[in-house]
């Protein structure tokens, strides 16, 4: 599978996916840290991929998404944007309903 197909699979397999530098527990840049804070404030689980430990993804994701910077947030297969857009959407109240709608329903039995 080529890297673009891998990225496409990741984006479509995860309802909420954040490509970031580092991990949510240990972000490796300020922009990734800001987006993680926003995502935590939304209160829903999300997948992430550390682009620093995946250099092929880091090199090819901007071509796939037509977005040059990181982090990048995808919800239901669509690019939401980078740090500034995500923070603005959170502050305006636009982000939470998008995240809630994409979040898989939790099974009460768990």
N, C-alpha and C. Protein backbone atom coordinates (compact mmCIF):
# COMPACT_ATOMS: atom_id res chain seq x y z
N UNK A 1 0.86 -1.18 0.00
CA UNK A 1 0.00 0.00 0.00
C UNK A 1 0.90 1.24 0.00
N UNK A 2 0.66 2.17 -0.92
CA UNK A 2 1.49 3.37 -0.91
C UNK A 2 1.04 4.32 0.19
N UNK A 3 1.86 5.31 0.48
CA UNK A 3 1.64 6.17 1.65
C UNK A 3 0.35 6.98 1.54
N UNK A 4 -0.01 7.42 0.35
CA UNK A 4 -1.27 8.17 0.19
C UNK A 4 -2.46 7.27 0.50
N UNK A 5 -2.40 6.01 0.07
CA UNK A 5 -3.47 5.05 0.40
C UNK A 5 -3.52 4.80 1.91
N UNK A 6 -2.36 4.74 2.54
CA UNK A 6 -2.30 4.56 3.99
C UNK A 6 -2.96 5.74 4.70
N UNK A 7 -2.64 6.95 4.28
CA UNK A 7 -3.24 8.14 4.88
C UNK A 7 -4.74 8.14 4.66
N UNK A 8 -5.17 7.84 3.44
CA UNK A 8 -6.60 7.78 3.13
C UNK A 8 -7.31 6.77 4.03
N UNK A 9 -6.69 5.62 4.24
CA UNK A 9 -7.24 4.59 5.12
C UNK A 9 -7.32 5.09 6.56
N UNK A 10 -6.29 5.76 7.04
CA UNK A 10 -6.29 6.29 8.41
C UNK A 10 -7.42 7.31 8.59
N UNK A 11 -7.55 8.21 7.63
CA UNK A 11 -8.54 9.28 7.71
C UNK A 11 -9.97 8.72 7.67
N UNK A 12 -10.19 7.69 6.86
CA UNK A 12 -11.54 7.14 6.76
C UNK A 12 -11.85 6.13 7.86
N UNK A 13 -10.84 5.54 8.47
CA UNK A 13 -11.05 4.54 9.51
C UNK A 13 -11.26 5.13 10.90
N UNK A 14 -10.90 6.39 11.07
CA UNK A 14 -11.01 7.05 12.38
C UNK A 14 -11.95 8.24 12.28
N UNK A 15 -13.06 8.21 13.01
CA UNK A 15 -14.01 9.32 12.91
C UNK A 15 -13.40 10.68 13.28
N UNK A 16 -12.50 10.67 14.25
CA UNK A 16 -11.81 11.89 14.67
C UNK A 16 -10.33 11.56 14.73
N UNK A 17 -9.54 12.20 13.88
CA UNK A 17 -8.12 11.88 13.78
C UNK A 17 -7.30 13.15 13.75
N UNK A 18 -6.30 13.19 14.64
CA UNK A 18 -5.40 14.33 14.72
C UNK A 18 -4.00 13.89 14.33
N UNK A 19 -3.47 14.51 13.28
CA UNK A 19 -2.07 14.33 12.93
C UNK A 19 -1.33 15.43 13.68
N UNK A 20 -0.39 15.04 14.52
CA UNK A 20 0.27 16.01 15.38
C UNK A 20 1.73 15.65 15.59
N UNK A 21 2.46 16.58 16.19
CA UNK A 21 3.85 16.33 16.58
C UNK A 21 3.83 15.86 18.02
N UNK A 22 4.23 14.60 18.23
CA UNK A 22 4.20 14.02 19.56
C UNK A 22 2.91 13.27 19.81
N UNK A 23 2.54 13.19 21.08
CA UNK A 23 1.31 12.50 21.48
C UNK A 23 0.49 13.43 22.36
N UNK A 24 -0.78 13.11 22.59
CA UNK A 24 -1.58 13.98 23.46
C UNK A 24 -0.97 14.13 24.87
N UNK A 25 -0.32 13.08 25.36
CA UNK A 25 0.33 13.16 26.67
C UNK A 25 1.63 13.94 26.64
N UNK A 26 2.26 14.01 25.48
CA UNK A 26 3.56 14.69 25.35
C UNK A 26 3.67 15.36 23.99
N UNK A 27 2.90 16.45 23.77
CA UNK A 27 2.99 17.15 22.49
C UNK A 27 4.41 17.70 22.29
N UNK A 28 4.87 17.69 21.05
CA UNK A 28 6.24 18.13 20.76
C UNK A 28 6.32 19.51 20.11
N UNK A 29 5.18 20.22 20.08
CA UNK A 29 5.21 21.62 19.64
C UNK A 29 4.02 22.34 20.25
N UNK A 30 4.12 23.65 20.33
CA UNK A 30 3.07 24.45 20.96
C UNK A 30 1.73 24.36 20.24
N UNK A 31 1.77 24.30 18.91
CA UNK A 31 0.53 24.23 18.15
C UNK A 31 -0.20 22.91 18.42
N UNK A 32 0.56 21.81 18.44
CA UNK A 32 -0.04 20.51 18.76
C UNK A 32 -0.60 20.53 20.18
N UNK A 33 0.13 21.14 21.11
CA UNK A 33 -0.34 21.23 22.50
C UNK A 33 -1.66 22.00 22.59
N UNK A 34 -1.78 23.10 21.85
CA UNK A 34 -3.02 23.88 21.84
C UNK A 34 -4.19 23.06 21.33
N UNK A 35 -3.98 22.35 20.23
CA UNK A 35 -5.06 21.56 19.65
C UNK A 35 -5.46 20.43 20.58
N UNK A 36 -4.49 19.80 21.24
CA UNK A 36 -4.81 18.74 22.20
C UNK A 36 -5.67 19.30 23.32
N UNK A 37 -5.34 20.49 23.82
CA UNK A 37 -6.15 21.12 24.88
C UNK A 37 -7.58 21.33 24.41
N UNK A 38 -7.74 21.82 23.19
CA UNK A 38 -9.08 22.02 22.63
C UNK A 38 -9.82 20.69 22.52
N UNK A 39 -9.14 19.67 22.02
CA UNK A 39 -9.77 18.36 21.85
C UNK A 39 -10.17 17.77 23.21
N UNK A 40 -9.32 17.92 24.20
CA UNK A 40 -9.65 17.43 25.55
C UNK A 40 -10.87 18.18 26.10
N UNK A 41 -10.94 19.48 25.82
CA UNK A 41 -12.08 20.27 26.27
C UNK A 41 -13.38 19.80 25.63
N UNK A 42 -13.29 19.25 24.43
CA UNK A 42 -14.49 18.72 23.75
C UNK A 42 -14.99 17.45 24.44
N UNK A 43 -14.10 16.75 25.13
CA UNK A 43 -14.50 15.61 25.94
C UNK A 43 -14.77 14.32 25.19
N UNK A 44 -14.34 14.21 23.95
CA UNK A 44 -14.55 12.98 23.19
C UNK A 44 -13.21 12.34 22.85
N UNK A 45 -13.24 11.03 22.72
CA UNK A 45 -12.03 10.31 22.35
C UNK A 45 -11.67 10.61 20.90
N UNK A 46 -10.38 10.65 20.63
CA UNK A 46 -9.92 10.87 19.26
C UNK A 46 -8.64 10.08 19.04
N UNK A 47 -8.44 9.69 17.80
CA UNK A 47 -7.21 9.01 17.42
C UNK A 47 -6.17 10.07 17.07
N UNK A 48 -4.91 9.67 17.18
CA UNK A 48 -3.85 10.58 16.77
C UNK A 48 -2.73 9.79 16.10
N UNK A 49 -1.99 10.50 15.27
CA UNK A 49 -0.80 9.92 14.66
C UNK A 49 0.33 10.92 14.84
N UNK A 50 1.42 10.43 15.41
CA UNK A 50 2.61 11.25 15.64
C UNK A 50 3.39 11.31 14.34
N UNK A 51 3.40 12.47 13.71
CA UNK A 51 4.09 12.61 12.43
C UNK A 51 5.61 12.60 12.59
N UNK A 52 6.10 12.86 13.80
CA UNK A 52 7.55 12.84 14.02
C UNK A 52 8.09 11.42 13.96
N UNK A 53 7.29 10.46 14.39
CA UNK A 53 7.75 9.07 14.31
C UNK A 53 7.28 8.39 13.03
N UNK A 54 6.61 9.15 12.17
CA UNK A 54 6.16 8.65 10.86
C UNK A 54 6.57 9.65 9.78
N UNK A 55 7.87 9.70 9.45
CA UNK A 55 8.35 10.72 8.51
C UNK A 55 7.73 10.64 7.12
N UNK A 56 7.33 9.44 6.69
CA UNK A 56 6.71 9.32 5.38
C UNK A 56 5.33 10.00 5.37
N UNK A 57 4.60 9.84 6.46
CA UNK A 57 3.31 10.53 6.58
C UNK A 57 3.54 12.03 6.65
N UNK A 58 4.52 12.44 7.46
CA UNK A 58 4.83 13.87 7.59
C UNK A 58 5.14 14.49 6.23
N UNK A 59 5.86 13.77 5.41
CA UNK A 59 6.26 14.29 4.09
C UNK A 59 5.11 14.32 3.09
N UNK A 60 4.15 13.42 3.22
CA UNK A 60 3.09 13.28 2.20
C UNK A 60 1.72 13.81 2.61
N UNK A 61 1.47 13.97 3.89
CA UNK A 61 0.15 14.44 4.32
C UNK A 61 -0.21 15.82 3.74
N UNK A 62 0.72 16.78 3.71
CA UNK A 62 0.35 18.08 3.12
C UNK A 62 -0.14 17.97 1.67
N UNK A 63 0.42 17.05 0.90
CA UNK A 63 -0.03 16.83 -0.47
C UNK A 63 -1.44 16.24 -0.47
N UNK A 64 -1.69 15.29 0.42
CA UNK A 64 -3.00 14.64 0.51
C UNK A 64 -4.09 15.63 0.93
N UNK A 65 -3.78 16.43 1.94
CA UNK A 65 -4.80 17.32 2.52
C UNK A 65 -4.83 18.70 1.89
N UNK A 66 -3.81 19.03 1.11
CA UNK A 66 -3.66 20.37 0.56
C UNK A 66 -3.57 21.40 1.68
N UNK A 67 -2.90 21.00 2.78
CA UNK A 67 -2.71 21.87 3.94
C UNK A 67 -1.25 21.73 4.36
N UNK A 68 -0.50 22.83 4.43
CA UNK A 68 0.96 22.73 4.56
C UNK A 68 1.50 22.50 5.97
N UNK A 69 0.71 22.78 6.99
CA UNK A 69 1.26 22.78 8.35
C UNK A 69 0.63 21.69 9.23
N UNK A 70 1.23 21.50 10.39
CA UNK A 70 0.73 20.55 11.39
C UNK A 70 0.49 21.32 12.68
N UNK A 71 -0.45 20.87 13.47
CA UNK A 71 -1.29 19.68 13.36
C UNK A 71 -2.39 19.84 12.31
N UNK A 72 -3.01 18.69 11.98
CA UNK A 72 -4.15 18.66 11.08
C UNK A 72 -5.23 17.78 11.71
N UNK A 73 -6.43 18.31 11.79
CA UNK A 73 -7.55 17.58 12.37
C UNK A 73 -8.52 17.16 11.27
N UNK A 74 -8.81 15.86 11.23
CA UNK A 74 -9.79 15.32 10.30
C UNK A 74 -10.98 14.80 11.11
N UNK A 75 -12.18 15.13 10.66
CA UNK A 75 -13.40 14.63 11.29
C UNK A 75 -14.26 14.04 10.18
N UNK A 76 -14.60 12.77 10.36
CA UNK A 76 -15.39 12.03 9.38
C UNK A 76 -14.81 12.17 7.97
N UNK A 77 -13.49 12.04 7.88
CA UNK A 77 -12.81 12.05 6.58
C UNK A 77 -12.53 13.41 5.99
N UNK A 78 -12.99 14.47 6.66
CA UNK A 78 -12.81 15.82 6.13
C UNK A 78 -11.80 16.59 6.97
N UNK A 79 -10.91 17.33 6.29
CA UNK A 79 -9.97 18.18 6.99
C UNK A 79 -10.72 19.35 7.60
N UNK A 80 -10.58 19.52 8.91
CA UNK A 80 -11.16 20.68 9.59
C UNK A 80 -10.20 21.85 9.49
N UNK A 81 -8.92 21.57 9.73
CA UNK A 81 -7.91 22.62 9.61
C UNK A 81 -6.77 22.41 10.57
N UNK A 82 -5.98 23.47 10.72
CA UNK A 82 -4.84 23.47 11.61
C UNK A 82 -5.16 24.18 12.90
N UNK A 83 -4.12 24.52 13.64
CA UNK A 83 -4.27 25.06 14.98
C UNK A 83 -5.17 26.30 15.03
N UNK A 84 -4.88 27.32 14.23
CA UNK A 84 -5.64 28.57 14.31
C UNK A 84 -7.13 28.34 14.05
N UNK A 85 -7.44 27.57 13.02
CA UNK A 85 -8.84 27.30 12.68
C UNK A 85 -9.53 26.52 13.79
N UNK A 86 -8.85 25.51 14.32
CA UNK A 86 -9.44 24.68 15.37
C UNK A 86 -9.70 25.52 16.62
N UNK A 87 -8.74 26.35 17.01
CA UNK A 87 -8.92 27.21 18.19
C UNK A 87 -10.06 28.20 17.96
N UNK A 88 -10.12 28.82 16.79
CA UNK A 88 -11.20 29.76 16.47
C UNK A 88 -12.56 29.07 16.51
N UNK A 89 -12.64 27.88 15.92
CA UNK A 89 -13.91 27.14 15.91
C UNK A 89 -14.33 26.75 17.32
N UNK A 90 -13.36 26.41 18.16
CA UNK A 90 -13.66 26.06 19.54
C UNK A 90 -14.19 27.28 20.29
N UNK A 91 -13.51 28.41 20.12
CA UNK A 91 -13.91 29.63 20.82
C UNK A 91 -15.27 30.13 20.37
N UNK A 92 -15.62 29.91 19.12
CA UNK A 92 -16.92 30.36 18.60
C UNK A 92 -18.05 29.37 18.89
N UNK A 93 -17.68 28.17 19.36
CA UNK A 93 -18.68 27.15 19.64
C UNK A 93 -19.00 26.26 18.46
N UNK A 94 -18.32 26.44 17.34
CA UNK A 94 -18.59 25.65 16.14
C UNK A 94 -18.02 24.23 16.20
N UNK A 95 -16.91 24.05 16.91
CA UNK A 95 -16.20 22.77 16.88
C UNK A 95 -16.92 21.67 17.67
N UNK A 96 -17.39 21.98 18.85
CA UNK A 96 -17.97 20.96 19.72
C UNK A 96 -19.08 20.15 19.06
N UNK A 97 -20.06 20.78 18.40
CA UNK A 97 -21.10 19.96 17.75
C UNK A 97 -20.56 19.03 16.66
N UNK A 98 -19.53 19.47 15.95
CA UNK A 98 -18.92 18.64 14.90
C UNK A 98 -18.26 17.43 15.54
N UNK A 99 -17.53 17.66 16.62
CA UNK A 99 -16.84 16.58 17.33
C UNK A 99 -17.85 15.62 17.96
N UNK A 100 -18.87 16.16 18.61
CA UNK A 100 -19.89 15.32 19.24
C UNK A 100 -20.61 14.46 18.20
N UNK A 101 -20.93 15.04 17.05
CA UNK A 101 -21.66 14.30 16.01
C UNK A 101 -20.81 13.17 15.44
N UNK A 102 -19.49 13.35 15.39
CA UNK A 102 -18.61 12.34 14.81
C UNK A 102 -18.19 11.28 15.82
N UNK A 103 -18.37 11.58 17.09
CA UNK A 103 -17.90 10.66 18.12
C UNK A 103 -18.73 9.40 18.14
N UNK A 104 -18.05 8.23 18.10
CA UNK A 104 -18.81 6.98 18.16
C UNK A 104 -19.56 6.86 19.48
N UNK A 105 -20.76 6.33 19.42
CA UNK A 105 -21.55 6.16 20.64
C UNK A 105 -20.86 5.16 21.56
N UNK A 106 -20.78 5.53 22.81
CA UNK A 106 -20.20 4.63 23.79
C UNK A 106 -21.23 3.59 24.18
N UNK A 107 -20.79 2.36 24.35
CA UNK A 107 -21.68 1.29 24.81
C UNK A 107 -21.79 1.40 26.32
N UNK A 108 -23.03 1.56 26.82
CA UNK A 108 -23.24 1.72 28.27
C UNK A 108 -22.79 0.50 29.07
N UNK A 109 -22.70 -0.65 28.44
CA UNK A 109 -22.35 -1.89 29.13
C UNK A 109 -20.85 -1.96 29.45
N UNK A 110 -20.06 -1.09 28.84
CA UNK A 110 -18.61 -1.19 29.06
C UNK A 110 -18.20 -0.73 30.41
